[in-house]
Amino acid sequence: MRIPKNWVPSIAGKIVNNLLKKELAEPAVPVETLIAETERLLLEELMVEDRINDEVRQILKKFEPEIEKGRLDYRKLFDMTKQKIVRERNVIL
């Protein structure tokens, strides 16, 4: 995640309040519920890269012996594997 988690509630509140202030949205639920859902969606989206990194680490565990022996470069493998997953899933990081 590129921004601190403790910023997310503030960002979510500002997004919702700006949408309502500019009359770009009309809430069908209480504003607090809307802010909470916006916060959940923001966190979910911000965690995509963390989940991909975890997946890459799991994939690379299969190659630990070769990496430890110096036959493979972990950082290079990590970056290549991550880019492959990002391309396959059309994810924007």
C-alpha atoms as a PDB file:
ATOM      1  CA  MET A   1       0.000   0.000   0.000  1.00  0.00           C
ATOM      2  CA  ARG A   2       1.407   3.359  -0.993  1.00  0.00           C
ATOM      3  CA  ILE A   3      -0.479   5.522   1.508  1.00  0.00           C
ATOM      4  CA  PRO A   4      -0.871   4.965   5.241  1.00  0.00           C
ATOM      5  CA  LYS A   5      -4.007   3.105   6.290  1.00  0.00           C
ATOM      6  CA  ASN A   6      -4.884   5.791   8.806  1.00  0.00           C
ATOM      7  CA  TRP A   7      -5.383   8.266   5.940  1.00  0.00           C
ATOM      8  CA  VAL A   8      -8.126   6.180   4.328  1.00  0.00           C
ATOM      9  CA  PRO A   9     -11.039   7.292   6.581  1.00  0.00           C
ATOM     10  CA  SER A  10     -10.189  10.950   5.935  1.00  0.00           C
ATOM     11  CA  ILE A  11      -9.912  10.396   2.183  1.00  0.00           C
ATOM     12  CA  ALA A  12     -13.190   8.462   2.088  1.00  0.00           C
ATOM     13  CA  GLY A  13     -14.949  11.219   4.007  1.00  0.00           C
ATOM     14  CA  LYS A  14     -13.616  13.900   1.690  1.00  0.00           C
ATOM     15  CA  ILE A  15     -14.664  11.957  -1.416  1.00  0.00           C
ATOM     16  CA  VAL A  16     -18.208  11.418  -0.174  1.00  0.00           C
ATOM     17  CA  ASN A  17     -18.598  14.947   1.162  1.00  0.00           C
ATOM     18  CA  ASN A  18     -17.327  16.485  -2.092  1.00  0.00           C
ATOM     19  CA  LEU A  19     -19.713  14.350  -4.156  1.00  0.00           C
ATOM     20  CA  LEU A  20     -22.636  15.393  -1.972  1.00  0.00           C
ATOM     21  CA  LYS A  21     -21.610  19.061  -1.773  1.00  0.00           C
ATOM     22  CA  LYS A  22     -21.353  19.293  -5.566  1.00  0.00           C
ATOM     23  CA  GLU A  23     -24.657  17.404  -5.869  1.00  0.00           C
ATOM     24  CA  LEU A  24     -23.022  14.712  -8.005  1.00  0.00           C
ATOM     25  CA  ALA A  25     -24.626  11.997  -5.898  1.00  0.00           C
ATOM     26  CA  GLU A  26     -27.772  11.614  -3.862  1.00  0.00           C
ATOM     27  CA  PRO A  27     -27.344   9.095  -1.039  1.00  0.00           C
ATOM     28  CA  ALA A  28     -29.912   6.334  -0.657  1.00  0.00           C
ATOM     29  CA  VAL A  29     -28.298   5.267   2.624  1.00  0.00           C
ATOM     30  CA  PRO A  30     -27.032   7.269   5.610  1.00  0.00           C
ATOM     31  CA  VAL A  31     -23.890   9.281   4.886  1.00  0.00           C
ATOM     32  CA  GLU A  32     -21.959   7.365   7.565  1.00  0.00           C
ATOM     33  CA  THR A  33     -22.751   4.100   5.775  1.00  0.00           C
ATOM     34  CA  LEU A  34     -21.666   5.601   2.478  1.00  0.00           C
ATOM     35  CA  ILE A  35     -18.373   6.793   3.978  1.00  0.00           C
ATOM     36  CA  ALA A  36     -17.745   3.376   5.568  1.00  0.00           C
ATOM     37  CA  GLU A  37     -18.368   1.581   2.261  1.00  0.00           C
ATOM     38  CA  THR A  38     -16.137   4.040   0.407  1.00  0.00           C
ATOM     39  CA  GLU A  39     -13.423   3.404   3.001  1.00  0.00           C
ATOM     40  CA  ARG A  40     -13.779  -0.371   2.531  1.00  0.00           C
ATOM     41  CA  LEU A  41     -13.527  -0.041  -1.250  1.00  0.00           C
ATOM     42  CA  LEU A  42     -10.476   2.217  -1.023  1.00  0.00           C
ATOM     43  CA  LEU A  43      -8.702  -0.197   1.319  1.00  0.00           C
ATOM     44  CA  GLU A  44      -9.529  -3.128  -0.930  1.00  0.00           C
ATOM     45  CA  GLU A  45      -8.125  -1.350  -3.968  1.00  0.00           C
ATOM     46  CA  LEU A  46      -5.016  -0.171  -2.141  1.00  0.00           C
ATOM     47  CA  MET A  47      -4.293  -3.711  -0.941  1.00  0.00           C
ATOM     48  CA  VAL A  48      -4.144  -5.191  -4.470  1.00  0.00           C
ATOM     49  CA  GLU A  49      -0.377  -4.730  -4.734  1.00  0.00           C
ATOM     50  CA  ASP A  50       0.156  -6.247  -1.283  1.00  0.00           C
ATOM     51  CA  ARG A  51      -1.835  -9.337  -2.280  1.00  0.00           C
ATOM     52  CA  ILE A  52       0.137  -9.675  -5.526  1.00  0.00           C
ATOM     53  CA  ASN A  53       3.419  -9.385  -3.607  1.00  0.00           C
ATOM     54  CA  ASP A  54       2.277 -12.146  -1.230  1.00  0.00           C
ATOM     55  CA  GLU A  55       1.338 -14.344  -4.178  1.00  0.00           C
ATOM     56  CA  VAL A  56       4.750 -13.799  -5.799  1.00  0.00           C
ATOM     57  CA  ARG A  57       6.495 -14.743  -2.545  1.00  0.00           C
ATOM     58  CA  GLN A  58       4.485 -17.982  -2.444  1.00  0.00           C
ATOM     59  CA  ILE A  59       5.382 -18.784  -6.049  1.00  0.00           C
ATOM     60  CA  LEU A  60       9.081 -18.129  -5.431  1.00  0.00           C
ATOM     61  CA  LYS A  61       9.166 -20.474  -2.430  1.00  0.00           C
ATOM     62  CA  LYS A  62       9.354 -23.291  -4.976  1.00  0.00           C
ATOM     63  CA  PHE A  63      12.712 -21.926  -6.124  1.00  0.00           C
ATOM     64  CA  GLU A  64      14.252 -21.363  -2.668  1.00  0.00           C
ATOM     65  CA  PRO A  65      17.043 -23.957  -3.049  1.00  0.00           C
ATOM     66  CA  GLU A  66      18.253 -22.430  -6.322  1.00  0.00           C
ATOM     67  CA  ILE A  67      17.985 -18.907  -4.935  1.00  0.00           C
ATOM     68  CA  GLU A  68      19.933 -19.832  -1.782  1.00  0.00           C
ATOM     69  CA  LYS A  69      22.677 -21.467  -3.861  1.00  0.00           C
ATOM     70  CA  GLY A  70      23.028 -18.244  -5.814  1.00  0.00           C
ATOM     71  CA  ARG A  71      21.857 -19.715  -9.103  1.00  0.00           C
ATOM     72  CA  LEU A  72      18.854 -17.379  -9.259  1.00  0.00           C
ATOM     73  CA  ASP A  73      18.502 -13.708  -8.291  1.00  0.00           C
ATOM     74  CA  TYR A  74      15.498 -13.345  -5.948  1.00  0.00           C
ATOM     75  CA  ARG A  75      14.909  -9.648  -6.661  1.00  0.00           C
ATOM     76  CA  LYS A  76      14.978 -10.170 -10.428  1.00  0.00           C
ATOM     77  CA  LEU A  77      12.677 -13.198 -10.198  1.00  0.00           C
ATOM     78  CA  PHE A  78      10.341 -11.298  -7.897  1.00  0.00           C
ATOM     79  CA  ASP A  79      10.066  -8.348 -10.291  1.00  0.00           C
ATOM     80  CA  MET A  80       9.611 -10.549 -13.365  1.00  0.00           C
ATOM     81  CA  THR A  81       6.951 -12.702 -11.692  1.00  0.00           C
ATOM     82  CA  LYS A  82       5.105  -9.668 -10.370  1.00  0.00           C
ATOM     83  CA  GLN A  83       5.078  -8.006 -13.789  1.00  0.00           C
ATOM     84  CA  LYS A  84       3.767 -11.201 -15.371  1.00  0.00           C
ATOM     85  CA  ILE A  85       0.879 -11.391 -12.888  1.00  0.00           C
ATOM     86  CA  VAL A  86       0.114  -7.690 -13.344  1.00  0.00           C
ATOM     87  CA  ARG A  87       0.008  -8.089 -17.145  1.00  0.00           C
ATOM     88  CA  GLU A  88      -2.126 -11.242 -17.009  1.00  0.00           C
ATOM     89  CA  ARG A  89      -4.680  -9.613 -14.707  1.00  0.00           C
ATOM     90  CA  ASN A  90      -4.600  -6.167 -16.320  1.00  0.00           C
ATOM     91  CA  VAL A  91      -3.891  -4.564 -12.966  1.00  0.00           C
ATOM     92  CA  ILE A  92      -2.748  -0.968 -12.720  1.00  0.00           C
ATOM     93  CA  LEU A  93      -0.372  -0.370  -9.823  1.00  0.00           C
END
